[in-house]
Amino acid sequence: MVTGAFGYTGRYITARLLESGRSVRTLTGHPNRPNPFGDRVAVAAFDFEDRRKLVGHLRGATTLYNTYWVRFPRGDVTSSGPLRTARPSSTRPRMPGCAGSST
């Protein structure tokens, strides 16, 4: 799962994953944007306020490459929205390379 697979950073991560034979899904704030990867990337609109939908989109993913971040509040979008929705069930790192990390 790559958040923002059509954005600047996500595009490069997605290309590398596809080149290595991995399947890729994306959560994006711009689901109607042209998909440069065609049918090789499954697209879903992210909605951090709907936890059930978010969990459904993430189900089955083994790794999450998160390129989403909020620099400045804009309208109803703030950096605390995704954090409030995420509420991890454990503090144990779930991603490779995060062992010992406080993130």
C-alpha atoms as a PDB file:
ATOM      1  CA  MET A   1       0.000   0.000   0.000  1.00  0.00           C
ATOM      2  CA  VAL A   2       1.439   3.354  -1.048  1.00  0.00           C
ATOM      3  CA  THR A   3      -0.363   6.506   0.040  1.00  0.00           C
ATOM      4  CA  GLY A   4      -0.156   9.124  -2.697  1.00  0.00           C
ATOM      5  CA  ALA A   5       1.175   6.802  -5.418  1.00  0.00           C
ATOM      6  CA  PHE A   6       0.573   9.494  -8.043  1.00  0.00           C
ATOM      7  CA  GLY A   7       2.366  12.268  -6.123  1.00  0.00           C
ATOM      8  CA  TYR A   8       6.022  13.197  -6.266  1.00  0.00           C
ATOM      9  CA  THR A   9       7.477  10.712  -3.758  1.00  0.00           C
ATOM     10  CA  GLY A  10       4.796   8.031  -4.045  1.00  0.00           C
ATOM     11  CA  ARG A  11       5.274   7.796  -7.808  1.00  0.00           C
ATOM     12  CA  TYR A  12       8.912   6.735  -7.389  1.00  0.00           C
ATOM     13  CA  ILE A  13       8.134   4.239  -4.634  1.00  0.00           C
ATOM     14  CA  THR A  14       5.334   2.761  -6.753  1.00  0.00           C
ATOM     15  CA  ALA A  15       7.523   2.459  -9.856  1.00  0.00           C
ATOM     16  CA  ARG A  16      10.238   0.626  -7.882  1.00  0.00           C
ATOM     17  CA  LEU A  17       7.725  -1.751  -6.332  1.00  0.00           C
ATOM     18  CA  LEU A  18       6.162  -2.550  -9.713  1.00  0.00           C
ATOM     19  CA  GLU A  19       9.601  -3.056 -11.283  1.00  0.00           C
ATOM     20  CA  SER A  20      10.393  -5.601  -8.576  1.00  0.00           C
ATOM     21  CA  GLY A  21       7.185  -7.505  -9.328  1.00  0.00           C
ATOM     22  CA  ARG A  22       5.164  -6.352  -6.300  1.00  0.00           C
ATOM     23  CA  SER A  23       1.471  -5.579  -6.460  1.00  0.00           C
ATOM     24  CA  VAL A  24       0.545  -2.036  -5.448  1.00  0.00           C
ATOM     25  CA  ARG A  25      -2.592  -0.388  -4.106  1.00  0.00           C
ATOM     26  CA  THR A  26      -2.890   3.298  -3.317  1.00  0.00           C
ATOM     27  CA  LEU A  27      -4.910   5.541  -1.073  1.00  0.00           C
ATOM     28  CA  THR A  28      -5.044   8.972  -2.615  1.00  0.00           C
ATOM     29  CA  GLY A  29      -6.686  12.314  -2.094  1.00  0.00           C
ATOM     30  CA  HIS A  30      -6.981  12.598  -5.875  1.00  0.00           C
ATOM     31  CA  PRO A  31      -8.641   9.367  -7.072  1.00  0.00           C
ATOM     32  CA  ASN A  32      -9.713  10.962 -10.372  1.00  0.00           C
ATOM     33  CA  ARG A  33      -6.186  12.032 -11.287  1.00  0.00           C
ATOM     34  CA  PRO A  34      -4.769  10.174 -14.315  1.00  0.00           C
ATOM     35  CA  ASN A  35      -3.196   6.896 -13.194  1.00  0.00           C
ATOM     36  CA  PRO A  36       0.264   6.739 -14.809  1.00  0.00           C
ATOM     37  CA  PHE A  37       0.497   3.033 -13.897  1.00  0.00           C
ATOM     38  CA  GLY A  38      -2.755   1.987 -15.590  1.00  0.00           C
ATOM     39  CA  ASP A  39      -4.412  -1.105 -14.223  1.00  0.00           C
ATOM     40  CA  ARG A  40      -1.227  -2.150 -12.371  1.00  0.00           C
ATOM     41  CA  VAL A  41      -2.239   0.009  -9.368  1.00  0.00           C
ATOM     42  CA  ALA A  42      -5.588  -0.307  -7.593  1.00  0.00           C
ATOM     43  CA  VAL A  43      -6.922   3.100  -6.514  1.00  0.00           C
ATOM     44  CA  ALA A  44      -9.045   4.042  -3.501  1.00  0.00           C
ATOM     45  CA  ALA A  45      -9.871   7.489  -2.119  1.00  0.00           C
ATOM     46  CA  PHE A  46      -8.620   7.945   1.420  1.00  0.00           C
ATOM     47  CA  ASP A  47     -10.985   9.089   4.108  1.00  0.00           C
ATOM     48  CA  PHE A  48      -9.305   9.373   7.493  1.00  0.00           C
ATOM     49  CA  GLU A  49     -12.591  10.194   9.178  1.00  0.00           C
ATOM     50  CA  ASP A  50     -14.180   6.843   8.239  1.00  0.00           C
ATOM     51  CA  ARG A  51     -12.120   4.361  10.228  1.00  0.00           C
ATOM     52  CA  ARG A  52     -14.042   1.308   8.986  1.00  0.00           C
ATOM     53  CA  LYS A  53     -13.476   2.246   5.350  1.00  0.00           C
ATOM     54  CA  LEU A  54      -9.792   2.996   6.005  1.00  0.00           C
ATOM     55  CA  VAL A  55      -9.293  -0.368   7.710  1.00  0.00           C
ATOM     56  CA  GLY A  56     -11.006  -2.064   4.762  1.00  0.00           C
ATOM     57  CA  HIS A  57      -8.678  -0.377   2.267  1.00  0.00           C
ATOM     58  CA  LEU A  58      -5.620  -1.379   4.305  1.00  0.00           C
ATOM     59  CA  ARG A  59      -6.745  -4.983   4.863  1.00  0.00           C
ATOM     60  CA  GLY A  60      -4.301  -7.467   3.351  1.00  0.00           C
ATOM     61  CA  ALA A  61      -1.455  -4.979   2.947  1.00  0.00           C
ATOM     62  CA  THR A  62       1.848  -6.287   4.279  1.00  0.00           C
ATOM     63  CA  THR A  63       3.682  -2.960   4.079  1.00  0.00           C
ATOM     64  CA  LEU A  64       2.494   0.652   4.176  1.00  0.00           C
ATOM     65  CA  TYR A  65       4.582   3.323   2.469  1.00  0.00           C
ATOM     66  CA  ASN A  66       3.072   6.524   3.816  1.00  0.00           C
ATOM     67  CA  THR A  67       3.835   9.660   1.827  1.00  0.00           C
ATOM     68  CA  TYR A  68       0.826  11.555   3.205  1.00  0.00           C
ATOM     69  CA  TRP A  69       1.488  14.467   5.541  1.00  0.00           C
ATOM     70  CA  VAL A  70      -0.094  17.792   6.329  1.00  0.00           C
ATOM     71  CA  ARG A  71       2.259  20.768   6.404  1.00  0.00           C
ATOM     72  CA  PHE A  72      -0.324  23.393   7.186  1.00  0.00           C
ATOM     73  CA  PRO A  73      -3.985  23.165   8.222  1.00  0.00           C
ATOM     74  CA  ARG A  74      -6.284  23.724   5.253  1.00  0.00           C
ATOM     75  CA  GLY A  75     -10.020  23.846   5.808  1.00  0.00           C
ATOM     76  CA  ASP A  76     -11.011  20.799   7.838  1.00  0.00           C
ATOM     77  CA  VAL A  77      -7.720  19.001   7.118  1.00  0.00           C
ATOM     78  CA  THR A  78      -5.185  19.092   9.945  1.00  0.00           C
ATOM     79  CA  SER A  79      -2.279  16.863  10.938  1.00  0.00           C
ATOM     80  CA  SER A  80      -4.227  15.513  13.912  1.00  0.00           C
ATOM     81  CA  GLY A  81      -6.997  13.965  11.749  1.00  0.00           C
ATOM     82  CA  PRO A  82      -5.040  10.939  10.521  1.00  0.00           C
ATOM     83  CA  LEU A  83      -3.438  10.433  13.923  1.00  0.00           C
ATOM     84  CA  ARG A  84      -6.800  10.488  15.658  1.00  0.00           C
ATOM     85  CA  THR A  85      -8.178   7.878  13.250  1.00  0.00           C
ATOM     86  CA  ALA A  86      -5.132   5.604  13.272  1.00  0.00           C
ATOM     87  CA  ARG A  87      -5.228   4.715  16.995  1.00  0.00           C
ATOM     88  CA  PRO A  88      -2.885   1.708  16.831  1.00  0.00           C
ATOM     89  CA  SER A  89      -3.941  -1.352  18.802  1.00  0.00           C
ATOM     90  CA  SER A  90      -0.346  -1.904  19.829  1.00  0.00           C
ATOM     91  CA  THR A  91       2.759   0.213  20.204  1.00  0.00           C
ATOM     92  CA  ARG A  92       4.860  -2.533  18.603  1.00  0.00           C
ATOM     93  CA  PRO A  93       6.279  -1.401  15.227  1.00  0.00           C
ATOM     94  CA  ARG A  94       4.456  -3.102  12.360  1.00  0.00           C
ATOM     95  CA  MET A  95       6.709  -2.156   9.462  1.00  0.00           C
ATOM     96  CA  PRO A  96      10.103  -3.612   8.552  1.00  0.00           C
ATOM     97  CA  GLY A  97      12.908  -1.253   9.444  1.00  0.00           C
ATOM     98  CA  CYS A  98      10.958   0.379  12.273  1.00  0.00           C
ATOM     99  CA  ALA A  99      12.172  -1.865  15.089  1.00  0.00           C
ATOM    100  CA  GLY A 100      13.274   0.284  17.979  1.00  0.00           C
ATOM    101  CA  SER A 101      11.587   3.308  16.443  1.00  0.00           C
ATOM    102  CA  SER A 102       9.223   5.473  18.433  1.00  0.00           C
ATOM    103  CA  THR A 103       7.205   6.281  15.291  1.00  0.00           C
END
